[in-house]
Amino acid sequence: MVAGPLFLAVGVAQGLARDGFSSTRNAISRLALGEAGWIRTVDFLLAGVLLTGAAVGLRKVLRGGPGGTWGPVLVGVFGVSFWVAAGFPADAGAGFPAGAAEETVMSGHGTVGHLALCAAFVVLARAFAARGLRGWAVACRIVPAFVLAGFMASAASALAFTPAAGLGLLWPALVTARPAGGTTANR
């Protein structure tokens, strides 16, 4: 549950401390570049561990039910994408680090990871619906649309990407907390 919030908190703190970094122009993954890049790299590794742990926990909670196989697998793919990001940091771009070209490109592993996460939400919607949690099921079908819209708009602006990525990182904390909470209708 803490993977996304922790990853975002460390990224925001590091972004505020790094010269030349602008959250309006750069994704926090770009903070893995330069002298203090090791902090972001460790954060990627830790988030990957926590997300794959969440996948294992989801598998235990949802085993044998709707979404019990593919939901956890897809969350695990999202976690593994963080390990890949640790090994293959984002390319310099949008002026960061200083002197970098203005062009920016979304990484392949970031794209695969976030597509897997969005698919996981849709699959997990079935698990929530089966437990009578209709509001959660609907939200798990809507959130991916916002995340994907932000990713598609990221070519035009980091301002479109940043809230979408934030939502993509915070929603798993709520989704992984909810299955353990029981089966009360409409919560």
N, C-alpha and C. Protein backbone atom coordinates (compact mmCIF):
# COMPACT_ATOMS: atom_id res chain seq x y z
N MET A 1 0.81 -1.20 0.00
CA MET A 1 0.00 0.00 0.00
C MET A 1 0.85 1.27 0.00
N VAL A 2 2.08 1.16 0.44
CA VAL A 2 2.91 2.36 0.55
C VAL A 2 3.77 2.64 -0.67
N ALA A 3 3.83 1.71 -1.62
CA ALA A 3 4.73 1.86 -2.76
C ALA A 3 4.52 3.17 -3.49
N GLY A 4 3.32 3.43 -3.94
CA GLY A 4 3.04 4.64 -4.72
C GLY A 4 3.23 5.92 -3.92
N PRO A 5 2.60 6.03 -2.73
CA PRO A 5 2.79 7.25 -1.95
C PRO A 5 4.25 7.52 -1.59
N LEU A 6 4.99 6.47 -1.23
CA LEU A 6 6.40 6.65 -0.90
C LEU A 6 7.20 7.08 -2.13
N PHE A 7 6.95 6.43 -3.26
CA PHE A 7 7.65 6.78 -4.50
C PHE A 7 7.38 8.24 -4.86
N LEU A 8 6.13 8.67 -4.75
CA LEU A 8 5.79 10.06 -5.07
C LEU A 8 6.41 11.03 -4.08
N ALA A 9 6.37 10.70 -2.79
CA ALA A 9 6.92 11.60 -1.77
C ALA A 9 8.42 11.81 -1.97
N VAL A 10 9.14 10.72 -2.21
CA VAL A 10 10.58 10.84 -2.44
C VAL A 10 10.84 11.64 -3.72
N GLY A 11 10.05 11.39 -4.76
CA GLY A 11 10.22 12.10 -6.03
C GLY A 11 9.95 13.59 -5.90
N VAL A 12 8.90 13.95 -5.19
CA VAL A 12 8.58 15.37 -5.00
C VAL A 12 9.69 16.05 -4.19
N ALA A 13 10.12 15.41 -3.10
CA ALA A 13 11.19 15.99 -2.28
C ALA A 13 12.48 16.16 -3.09
N GLN A 14 12.82 15.13 -3.85
CA GLN A 14 14.04 15.21 -4.65
C GLN A 14 13.89 16.26 -5.75
N GLY A 15 12.71 16.32 -6.37
CA GLY A 15 12.48 17.31 -7.42
C GLY A 15 12.62 18.74 -6.93
N LEU A 16 12.17 18.99 -5.70
CA LEU A 16 12.30 20.33 -5.13
C LEU A 16 13.76 20.67 -4.82
N ALA A 17 14.57 19.66 -4.56
CA ALA A 17 15.96 19.89 -4.17
C ALA A 17 16.93 19.92 -5.35
N ARG A 18 16.53 19.44 -6.51
CA ARG A 18 17.45 19.33 -7.64
C ARG A 18 17.40 20.57 -8.53
N ASP A 19 18.55 21.17 -8.74
CA ASP A 19 18.66 22.33 -9.63
C ASP A 19 18.29 21.94 -11.05
N GLY A 20 17.47 22.77 -11.68
CA GLY A 20 17.11 22.58 -13.08
C GLY A 20 15.93 21.66 -13.30
N PHE A 21 15.45 20.98 -12.25
CA PHE A 21 14.30 20.09 -12.42
C PHE A 21 13.02 20.89 -12.27
N SER A 22 12.09 20.66 -13.18
CA SER A 22 10.79 21.33 -13.14
C SER A 22 9.70 20.29 -13.32
N SER A 23 8.82 20.18 -12.33
CA SER A 23 7.74 19.20 -12.43
C SER A 23 6.74 19.56 -13.52
N THR A 24 6.80 20.78 -14.01
CA THR A 24 5.92 21.17 -15.11
C THR A 24 6.48 20.73 -16.46
N ARG A 25 7.77 20.36 -16.47
CA ARG A 25 8.41 19.95 -17.73
C ARG A 25 8.94 18.52 -17.71
N ASN A 26 9.20 17.98 -16.51
CA ASN A 26 9.86 16.69 -16.39
C ASN A 26 9.08 15.72 -15.53
N ALA A 27 9.10 14.44 -15.92
CA ALA A 27 8.56 13.38 -15.07
C ALA A 27 9.59 13.09 -13.98
N ILE A 28 9.13 12.65 -12.80
CA ILE A 28 10.06 12.42 -11.70
C ILE A 28 11.02 11.26 -11.98
N SER A 29 10.71 10.44 -12.95
CA SER A 29 11.63 9.35 -13.29
C SER A 29 12.95 9.90 -13.82
N ARG A 30 12.92 11.08 -14.38
CA ARG A 30 14.14 11.70 -14.92
C ARG A 30 15.11 12.08 -13.80
N LEU A 31 14.65 12.09 -12.57
CA LEU A 31 15.53 12.40 -11.45
C LEU A 31 16.59 11.32 -11.22
N ALA A 32 16.46 10.19 -11.91
CA ALA A 32 17.47 9.13 -11.82
C ALA A 32 18.76 9.53 -12.55
N LEU A 33 18.74 10.63 -13.24
CA LEU A 33 19.91 11.11 -13.99
C LEU A 33 20.73 12.07 -13.13
N GLY A 34 22.00 12.12 -13.37
CA GLY A 34 22.87 13.07 -12.68
C GLY A 34 23.41 12.53 -11.36
N GLU A 35 24.09 13.43 -10.62
CA GLU A 35 24.78 13.04 -9.40
C GLU A 35 23.89 12.40 -8.35
N ALA A 36 22.76 12.97 -8.08
CA ALA A 36 21.87 12.44 -7.05
C ALA A 36 20.89 11.41 -7.61
N GLY A 37 21.13 10.95 -8.81
CA GLY A 37 20.23 9.99 -9.45
C GLY A 37 20.11 8.68 -8.71
N TRP A 38 21.10 8.34 -7.91
CA TRP A 38 21.06 7.09 -7.16
C TRP A 38 19.85 7.04 -6.21
N ILE A 39 19.42 8.20 -5.72
CA ILE A 39 18.27 8.24 -4.81
C ILE A 39 17.02 7.74 -5.54
N ARG A 40 16.80 8.25 -6.74
CA ARG A 40 15.64 7.82 -7.53
C ARG A 40 15.76 6.35 -7.90
N THR A 41 17.00 5.89 -8.20
CA THR A 41 17.22 4.49 -8.56
C THR A 41 16.86 3.57 -7.39
N VAL A 42 17.31 3.93 -6.19
CA VAL A 42 16.95 3.14 -5.00
C VAL A 42 15.45 3.17 -4.79
N ASP A 43 14.83 4.31 -5.02
CA ASP A 43 13.38 4.44 -4.86
C ASP A 43 12.65 3.55 -5.88
N PHE A 44 13.16 3.47 -7.10
CA PHE A 44 12.58 2.57 -8.09
C PHE A 44 12.67 1.12 -7.61
N LEU A 45 13.84 0.73 -7.10
CA LEU A 45 14.02 -0.64 -6.62
C LEU A 45 13.08 -0.96 -5.47
N LEU A 46 12.98 -0.05 -4.51
CA LEU A 46 12.11 -0.25 -3.36
C LEU A 46 10.64 -0.33 -3.79
N ALA A 47 10.22 0.57 -4.66
CA ALA A 47 8.83 0.55 -5.15
C ALA A 47 8.54 -0.77 -5.86
N GLY A 48 9.51 -1.26 -6.63
CA GLY A 48 9.34 -2.54 -7.31
C GLY A 48 9.13 -3.69 -6.33
N VAL A 49 9.92 -3.69 -5.26
CA VAL A 49 9.78 -4.72 -4.22
C VAL A 49 8.39 -4.62 -3.58
N LEU A 50 8.00 -3.42 -3.22
CA LEU A 50 6.71 -3.23 -2.56
C LEU A 50 5.54 -3.59 -3.47
N LEU A 51 5.62 -3.23 -4.74
CA LEU A 51 4.54 -3.55 -5.68
C LEU A 51 4.44 -5.04 -5.96
N THR A 52 5.59 -5.71 -6.09
CA THR A 52 5.51 -7.15 -6.30
C THR A 52 5.02 -7.84 -5.03
N GLY A 53 5.35 -7.30 -3.88
CA GLY A 53 4.79 -7.82 -2.63
C GLY A 53 3.28 -7.62 -2.58
N ALA A 54 2.82 -6.49 -3.07
CA ALA A 54 1.37 -6.25 -3.14
C ALA A 54 0.70 -7.25 -4.07
N ALA A 55 1.38 -7.59 -5.15
CA ALA A 55 0.84 -8.58 -6.09
C ALA A 55 0.68 -9.93 -5.40
N VAL A 56 1.68 -10.32 -4.61
CA VAL A 56 1.60 -11.59 -3.88
C VAL A 56 0.45 -11.55 -2.88
N GLY A 57 0.32 -10.43 -2.17
CA GLY A 57 -0.78 -10.29 -1.21
C GLY A 57 -2.14 -10.34 -1.87
N LEU A 58 -2.27 -9.64 -3.00
CA LEU A 58 -3.54 -9.69 -3.74
C LEU A 58 -3.86 -11.11 -4.18
N ARG A 59 -2.85 -11.82 -4.60
CA ARG A 59 -3.06 -13.22 -5.04
C ARG A 59 -3.62 -14.06 -3.89
N LYS A 60 -3.09 -13.87 -2.70
CA LYS A 60 -3.56 -14.63 -1.54
C LYS A 60 -4.99 -14.26 -1.17
N VAL A 61 -5.31 -12.99 -1.22
CA VAL A 61 -6.65 -12.52 -0.85
C VAL A 61 -7.68 -12.89 -1.89
N LEU A 62 -7.32 -12.81 -3.16
CA LEU A 62 -8.30 -13.00 -4.25
C LEU A 62 -8.27 -14.41 -4.86
N ARG A 63 -7.42 -15.28 -4.37
CA ARG A 63 -7.25 -16.63 -4.95
C ARG A 63 -8.60 -17.32 -5.15
N GLY A 64 -8.78 -17.84 -6.36
CA GLY A 64 -9.98 -18.60 -6.68
C GLY A 64 -11.19 -17.76 -7.04
N GLY A 65 -11.10 -16.46 -6.92
CA GLY A 65 -12.23 -15.60 -7.24
C GLY A 65 -11.97 -14.80 -8.50
N PRO A 66 -12.97 -14.01 -8.90
CA PRO A 66 -12.80 -13.15 -10.08
C PRO A 66 -11.60 -12.21 -9.92
N GLY A 67 -10.79 -12.15 -10.95
CA GLY A 67 -9.62 -11.27 -10.92
C GLY A 67 -8.46 -11.80 -10.10
N GLY A 68 -8.62 -12.96 -9.50
CA GLY A 68 -7.63 -13.50 -8.59
C GLY A 68 -6.34 -13.97 -9.23
N THR A 69 -6.35 -14.19 -10.52
CA THR A 69 -5.12 -14.60 -11.21
C THR A 69 -4.48 -13.42 -11.93
N TRP A 70 -5.23 -12.84 -12.87
CA TRP A 70 -4.64 -11.81 -13.72
C TRP A 70 -4.44 -10.48 -13.02
N GLY A 71 -5.29 -10.11 -12.07
CA GLY A 71 -5.09 -8.85 -11.35
C GLY A 71 -3.72 -8.80 -10.68
N PRO A 72 -3.40 -9.81 -9.85
CA PRO A 72 -2.08 -9.82 -9.22
C PRO A 72 -0.93 -9.93 -10.22
N VAL A 73 -1.09 -10.71 -11.28
CA VAL A 73 -0.03 -10.83 -12.28
C VAL A 73 0.26 -9.46 -12.90
N LEU A 74 -0.78 -8.73 -13.24
CA LEU A 74 -0.60 -7.42 -13.87
C LEU A 74 0.00 -6.41 -12.90
N VAL A 75 -0.39 -6.46 -11.64
CA VAL A 75 0.24 -5.59 -10.63
C VAL A 75 1.72 -5.97 -10.51
N GLY A 76 2.02 -7.25 -10.57
CA GLY A 76 3.41 -7.70 -10.54
C GLY A 76 4.21 -7.19 -11.73
N VAL A 77 3.61 -7.18 -12.91
CA VAL A 77 4.29 -6.63 -14.09
C VAL A 77 4.61 -5.15 -13.86
N PHE A 78 3.66 -4.42 -13.28
CA PHE A 78 3.90 -3.01 -12.96
C PHE A 78 5.09 -2.90 -12.00
N GLY A 79 5.15 -3.75 -10.98
CA GLY A 79 6.28 -3.74 -10.05
C GLY A 79 7.60 -4.03 -10.74
N VAL A 80 7.62 -5.03 -11.60
CA VAL A 80 8.85 -5.38 -12.33
C VAL A 80 9.29 -4.21 -13.22
N SER A 81 8.33 -3.45 -13.76
CA SER A 81 8.70 -2.31 -14.60
C SER A 81 9.52 -1.28 -13.82
N PHE A 82 9.34 -1.22 -12.51
CA PHE A 82 10.14 -0.32 -11.68
C PHE A 82 11.58 -0.82 -11.59
N TRP A 83 11.77 -2.13 -11.51
CA TRP A 83 13.13 -2.68 -11.49
C TRP A 83 13.81 -2.41 -12.82
N VAL A 84 13.08 -2.55 -13.90
CA VAL A 84 13.65 -2.27 -15.22
C VAL A 84 14.02 -0.78 -15.31
N ALA A 85 13.16 0.09 -14.77
CA ALA A 85 13.45 1.52 -14.78
C ALA A 85 14.69 1.84 -13.95
N ALA A 86 14.92 1.08 -12.89
CA ALA A 86 16.14 1.29 -12.09
C ALA A 86 17.38 0.95 -12.90
N GLY A 87 17.28 -0.09 -13.71
CA GLY A 87 18.42 -0.51 -14.53
C GLY A 87 18.61 0.29 -15.80
N PHE A 88 17.51 0.82 -16.30
CA PHE A 88 17.54 1.58 -17.55
C PHE A 88 16.82 2.91 -17.34
N PRO A 89 17.50 3.90 -16.76
CA PRO A 89 16.84 5.17 -16.45
C PRO A 89 16.32 5.89 -17.69
N ALA A 90 15.42 6.82 -17.43
CA ALA A 90 14.85 7.64 -18.50
C ALA A 90 15.96 8.39 -19.23
N ASP A 91 15.71 8.68 -20.50
CA ASP A 91 16.66 9.49 -21.26
C ASP A 91 16.57 10.93 -20.81
N ALA A 92 17.70 11.63 -20.91
CA ALA A 92 17.70 13.06 -20.64
C ALA A 92 16.77 13.73 -21.64
N GLY A 93 16.13 14.78 -21.23
CA GLY A 93 15.24 15.50 -22.13
C GLY A 93 14.52 16.62 -21.42
N ALA A 94 13.81 17.42 -22.17
CA ALA A 94 13.08 18.57 -21.64
C ALA A 94 13.98 19.45 -20.77
N GLY A 95 15.25 19.54 -21.18
CA GLY A 95 16.18 20.42 -20.49
C GLY A 95 16.74 19.88 -19.19
N PHE A 96 16.50 18.61 -18.85
CA PHE A 96 17.05 18.05 -17.61
C PHE A 96 17.76 16.75 -17.90
N PRO A 97 18.94 16.59 -17.33
CA PRO A 97 19.73 17.56 -16.60
C PRO A 97 20.14 18.73 -17.49
N ALA A 98 20.75 19.72 -16.86
CA ALA A 98 21.12 20.94 -17.57
C ALA A 98 21.86 20.60 -18.86
N GLY A 99 21.45 21.23 -19.94
CA GLY A 99 22.07 21.04 -21.23
C GLY A 99 21.43 19.94 -22.07
N ALA A 100 20.48 19.22 -21.51
CA ALA A 100 19.81 18.15 -22.26
C ALA A 100 18.91 18.75 -23.34
N ALA A 101 18.69 17.97 -24.38
CA ALA A 101 17.81 18.40 -25.47
C ALA A 101 16.39 18.63 -24.94
N GLU A 102 15.62 19.35 -25.70
CA GLU A 102 14.24 19.63 -25.30
C GLU A 102 13.28 18.48 -25.58
N GLU A 103 13.66 17.59 -26.51
CA GLU A 103 12.77 16.47 -26.85
C GLU A 103 12.67 15.52 -25.67
N THR A 104 11.54 14.83 -25.58
CA THR A 104 11.36 13.84 -24.54
C THR A 104 10.55 12.67 -25.10
N VAL A 105 10.89 11.48 -24.65
CA VAL A 105 10.24 10.26 -25.14
C VAL A 105 9.89 9.39 -23.93
N MET A 106 8.69 8.82 -23.94
CA MET A 106 8.29 7.89 -22.88
C MET A 106 9.05 6.58 -23.07
N SER A 107 9.56 6.04 -21.97
CA SER A 107 10.31 4.79 -22.06
C SER A 107 9.37 3.62 -22.36
N GLY A 108 9.92 2.60 -22.99
CA GLY A 108 9.13 1.40 -23.28
C GLY A 108 8.68 0.69 -22.03
N HIS A 109 9.57 0.58 -21.02
CA HIS A 109 9.19 -0.11 -19.80
C HIS A 109 8.16 0.68 -19.00
N GLY A 110 8.23 2.00 -19.06
CA GLY A 110 7.21 2.81 -18.39
C GLY A 110 5.84 2.62 -19.04
N THR A 111 5.85 2.55 -20.36
CA THR A 111 4.60 2.33 -21.10
C THR A 111 4.01 0.96 -20.78
N VAL A 112 4.84 -0.08 -20.84
CA VAL A 112 4.36 -1.44 -20.54
C VAL A 112 3.86 -1.52 -19.11
N GLY A 113 4.61 -0.95 -18.19
CA GLY A 113 4.22 -0.99 -16.78
C GLY A 113 2.89 -0.33 -16.52
N HIS A 114 2.69 0.85 -17.09
CA HIS A 114 1.44 1.55 -16.84
C HIS A 114 0.26 0.93 -17.59
N LEU A 115 0.50 0.36 -18.75
CA LEU A 115 -0.57 -0.38 -19.43
C LEU A 115 -0.98 -1.60 -18.60
N ALA A 116 0.01 -2.29 -18.02
CA ALA A 116 -0.29 -3.43 -17.16
C ALA A 116 -1.08 -2.98 -15.94
N LEU A 117 -0.71 -1.85 -15.37
CA LEU A 117 -1.43 -1.34 -14.20
C LEU A 117 -2.87 -1.02 -14.55
N CYS A 118 -3.08 -0.34 -15.67
CA CYS A 118 -4.45 -0.01 -16.09
C CYS A 118 -5.27 -1.27 -16.34
N ALA A 119 -4.65 -2.27 -16.96
CA ALA A 119 -5.34 -3.54 -17.18
C ALA A 119 -5.65 -4.21 -15.84
N ALA A 120 -4.74 -4.11 -14.88
CA ALA A 120 -4.97 -4.68 -13.55
C ALA A 120 -6.19 -4.05 -12.90
N PHE A 121 -6.32 -2.74 -13.01
CA PHE A 121 -7.50 -2.08 -12.43
C PHE A 121 -8.78 -2.62 -13.02
N VAL A 122 -8.81 -2.78 -14.33
CA VAL A 122 -10.02 -3.29 -15.00
C VAL A 122 -10.31 -4.71 -14.53
N VAL A 123 -9.29 -5.54 -14.44
CA VAL A 123 -9.47 -6.92 -13.97
C VAL A 123 -9.92 -6.94 -12.51
N LEU A 124 -9.31 -6.10 -11.68
CA LEU A 124 -9.67 -6.07 -10.27
C LEU A 124 -11.08 -5.52 -10.05
N ALA A 125 -11.60 -4.79 -11.01
CA ALA A 125 -12.98 -4.31 -10.91
C ALA A 125 -13.93 -5.50 -10.76
N ARG A 126 -13.61 -6.59 -11.43
CA ARG A 126 -14.43 -7.81 -11.31
C ARG A 126 -14.42 -8.33 -9.88
N ALA A 127 -13.26 -8.30 -9.24
CA ALA A 127 -13.16 -8.77 -7.85
C ALA A 127 -14.00 -7.89 -6.93
N PHE A 128 -13.96 -6.59 -7.12
CA PHE A 128 -14.77 -5.69 -6.29
C PHE A 128 -16.26 -5.91 -6.54
N ALA A 129 -16.63 -6.06 -7.81
CA ALA A 129 -18.05 -6.30 -8.13
C ALA A 129 -18.53 -7.59 -7.49
N ALA A 130 -17.72 -8.63 -7.52
CA ALA A 130 -18.11 -9.91 -6.93
C ALA A 130 -18.28 -9.82 -5.41
N ARG A 131 -17.61 -8.88 -4.79
CA ARG A 131 -17.71 -8.68 -3.34
C ARG A 131 -18.80 -7.67 -2.97
N GLY A 132 -19.53 -7.21 -3.98
CA GLY A 132 -20.60 -6.25 -3.71
C GLY A 132 -20.13 -4.82 -3.56
N LEU A 133 -18.90 -4.54 -3.93
CA LEU A 133 -18.32 -3.20 -3.81
C LEU A 133 -18.43 -2.49 -5.16
N ARG A 134 -19.66 -2.14 -5.51
CA ARG A 134 -19.93 -1.58 -6.84
C ARG A 134 -19.21 -0.27 -7.10
N GLY A 135 -19.15 0.60 -6.10
CA GLY A 135 -18.46 1.88 -6.28
C GLY A 135 -16.99 1.69 -6.60
N TRP A 136 -16.35 0.76 -5.91
CA TRP A 136 -14.95 0.46 -6.18
C TRP A 136 -14.79 -0.15 -7.57
N ALA A 137 -15.73 -1.00 -7.94
CA ALA A 137 -15.66 -1.63 -9.27
C ALA A 137 -15.76 -0.57 -10.36
N VAL A 138 -16.68 0.37 -10.21
CA VAL A 138 -16.83 1.44 -11.20
C VAL A 138 -15.57 2.30 -11.25
N ALA A 139 -15.05 2.66 -10.08
CA ALA A 139 -13.84 3.49 -10.03
C ALA A 139 -12.66 2.78 -10.71
N CYS A 140 -12.56 1.47 -10.51
CA CYS A 140 -11.45 0.72 -11.13
C CYS A 140 -11.60 0.64 -12.64
N ARG A 141 -12.78 0.91 -13.14
CA ARG A 141 -12.95 0.95 -14.60
C ARG A 141 -12.74 2.36 -15.15
N ILE A 142 -12.92 3.37 -14.32
CA ILE A 142 -12.79 4.76 -14.76
C ILE A 142 -11.35 5.27 -14.63
N VAL A 143 -10.68 4.94 -13.54
CA VAL A 143 -9.32 5.45 -13.28
C VAL A 143 -8.37 5.18 -14.46
N PRO A 144 -8.39 3.97 -15.06
CA PRO A 144 -7.47 3.75 -16.19
C PRO A 144 -7.68 4.74 -17.34
N ALA A 145 -8.91 5.19 -17.55
CA ALA A 145 -9.15 6.15 -18.63
C ALA A 145 -8.39 7.45 -18.36
N PHE A 146 -8.39 7.92 -17.11
CA PHE A 146 -7.66 9.13 -16.77
C PHE A 146 -6.15 8.93 -16.88
N VAL A 147 -5.69 7.78 -16.40
CA VAL A 147 -4.25 7.50 -16.47
C VAL A 147 -3.80 7.43 -17.93
N LEU A 148 -4.53 6.70 -18.75
CA LEU A 148 -4.16 6.58 -20.16
C LEU A 148 -4.27 7.90 -20.91
N ALA A 149 -5.27 8.71 -20.59
CA ALA A 149 -5.40 10.03 -21.23
C ALA A 149 -4.19 10.90 -20.91
N GLY A 150 -3.74 10.85 -19.67
CA GLY A 150 -2.55 11.61 -19.29
C GLY A 150 -1.31 11.14 -20.01
N PHE A 151 -1.19 9.82 -20.18
CA PHE A 151 -0.03 9.29 -20.89
C PHE A 151 -0.07 9.69 -22.36
N MET A 152 -1.24 9.65 -22.96
CA MET A 152 -1.33 10.05 -24.37
C MET A 152 -1.03 11.53 -24.54
N ALA A 153 -1.41 12.34 -23.57
CA ALA A 153 -1.16 13.78 -23.66
C ALA A 153 0.26 14.13 -23.24
N SER A 154 1.00 13.17 -22.70
CA SER A 154 2.35 13.47 -22.20
C SER A 154 3.29 13.94 -23.29
N ALA A 155 3.02 13.55 -24.52
CA ALA A 155 3.86 14.02 -25.63
C ALA A 155 3.77 15.53 -25.77
N ALA A 156 2.63 16.09 -25.38
CA ALA A 156 2.44 17.53 -25.49
C ALA A 156 2.87 18.28 -24.24
N SER A 157 2.72 17.64 -23.07
CA SER A 157 2.98 18.37 -21.84
C SER A 157 3.19 17.44 -20.65
N ALA A 158 4.22 17.73 -19.85
CA ALA A 158 4.43 16.99 -18.61
C ALA A 158 3.31 17.29 -17.63
N LEU A 159 2.67 18.44 -17.80
CA LEU A 159 1.56 18.78 -16.91
C LEU A 159 0.40 17.82 -17.07
N ALA A 160 0.23 17.25 -18.24
CA ALA A 160 -0.82 16.24 -18.44
C ALA A 160 -0.38 14.90 -17.87
N PHE A 161 0.90 14.59 -17.99
CA PHE A 161 1.43 13.32 -17.53
C PHE A 161 1.50 13.21 -16.01
N THR A 162 1.93 14.27 -15.35
CA THR A 162 2.20 14.22 -13.91
C THR A 162 0.98 13.82 -13.09
N PRO A 163 -0.20 14.45 -13.27
CA PRO A 163 -1.34 14.01 -12.47
C PRO A 163 -1.79 12.59 -12.82
N ALA A 164 -1.67 12.20 -14.08
CA ALA A 164 -2.06 10.84 -14.49
C ALA A 164 -1.14 9.82 -13.85
N ALA A 165 0.16 10.08 -13.86
CA ALA A 165 1.11 9.17 -13.23
C ALA A 165 0.89 9.12 -11.72
N GLY A 166 0.59 10.28 -11.12
CA GLY A 166 0.30 10.32 -9.69
C GLY A 166 -0.91 9.48 -9.34
N LEU A 167 -1.97 9.62 -10.12
CA LEU A 167 -3.17 8.81 -9.91
C LEU A 167 -2.84 7.33 -10.08
N GLY A 168 -2.04 7.02 -11.10
CA GLY A 168 -1.64 5.63 -11.34
C GLY A 168 -0.82 5.06 -10.20
N LEU A 169 -0.12 5.91 -9.46
CA LEU A 169 0.67 5.44 -8.32
C LEU A 169 -0.12 5.42 -7.02
N LEU A 170 -1.08 6.30 -6.87
CA LEU A 170 -1.85 6.35 -5.61
C LEU A 170 -3.01 5.36 -5.60
N TRP A 171 -3.63 5.13 -6.75
CA TRP A 171 -4.78 4.23 -6.79
C TRP A 171 -4.44 2.81 -6.32
N PRO A 172 -3.27 2.25 -6.66
CA PRO A 172 -2.96 0.90 -6.16
C PRO A 172 -2.94 0.82 -4.64
N ALA A 173 -2.56 1.91 -3.96
CA ALA A 173 -2.57 1.89 -2.49
C ALA A 173 -3.99 1.67 -1.98
N LEU A 174 -4.95 2.33 -2.61
CA LEU A 174 -6.34 2.16 -2.19
C LEU A 174 -6.88 0.79 -2.59
N VAL A 175 -6.53 0.37 -3.80
CA VAL A 175 -7.03 -0.91 -4.32
C VAL A 175 -6.48 -2.08 -3.51
N THR A 176 -5.23 -2.02 -3.11
CA THR A 176 -4.66 -3.12 -2.34
C THR A 176 -5.14 -3.10 -0.89
N ALA A 177 -5.53 -1.96 -0.38
CA ALA A 177 -6.06 -1.89 0.98
C ALA A 177 -7.49 -2.41 1.04
N ARG A 178 -8.27 -2.17 0.02
CA ARG A 178 -9.69 -2.50 0.04
C ARG A 178 -10.01 -3.99 0.09
N PRO A 179 -9.34 -4.89 -0.67
CA PRO A 179 -9.73 -6.31 -0.64
C PRO A 179 -9.66 -6.92 0.75
N ALA A 180 -8.72 -6.47 1.57
CA ALA A 180 -8.59 -7.04 2.91
C ALA A 180 -9.66 -6.51 3.85
N GLY A 181 -10.38 -5.47 3.42
CA GLY A 181 -11.32 -4.80 4.30
C GLY A 181 -12.69 -5.43 4.38
N GLY A 182 -12.98 -6.48 3.69
CA GLY A 182 -14.28 -7.13 3.83
C GLY A 182 -15.17 -6.91 2.63
N THR A 183 -16.45 -7.25 2.80
CA THR A 183 -17.38 -7.24 1.68
C THR A 183 -18.64 -6.48 2.00
N THR A 184 -18.53 -5.23 2.33
CA THR A 184 -19.70 -4.42 2.61
C THR A 184 -20.15 -3.76 1.32
N ALA A 185 -21.41 -3.94 0.98
CA ALA A 185 -21.95 -3.42 -0.28
C ALA A 185 -21.84 -1.91 -0.36
N ASN A 186 -21.53 -1.44 -1.59
CA ASN A 186 -21.47 -0.02 -1.96
C ASN A 186 -20.41 0.79 -1.25
N ARG A 187 -19.44 0.21 -0.64
CA ARG A 187 -18.35 0.98 -0.04
C ARG A 187 -17.35 1.36 -1.07
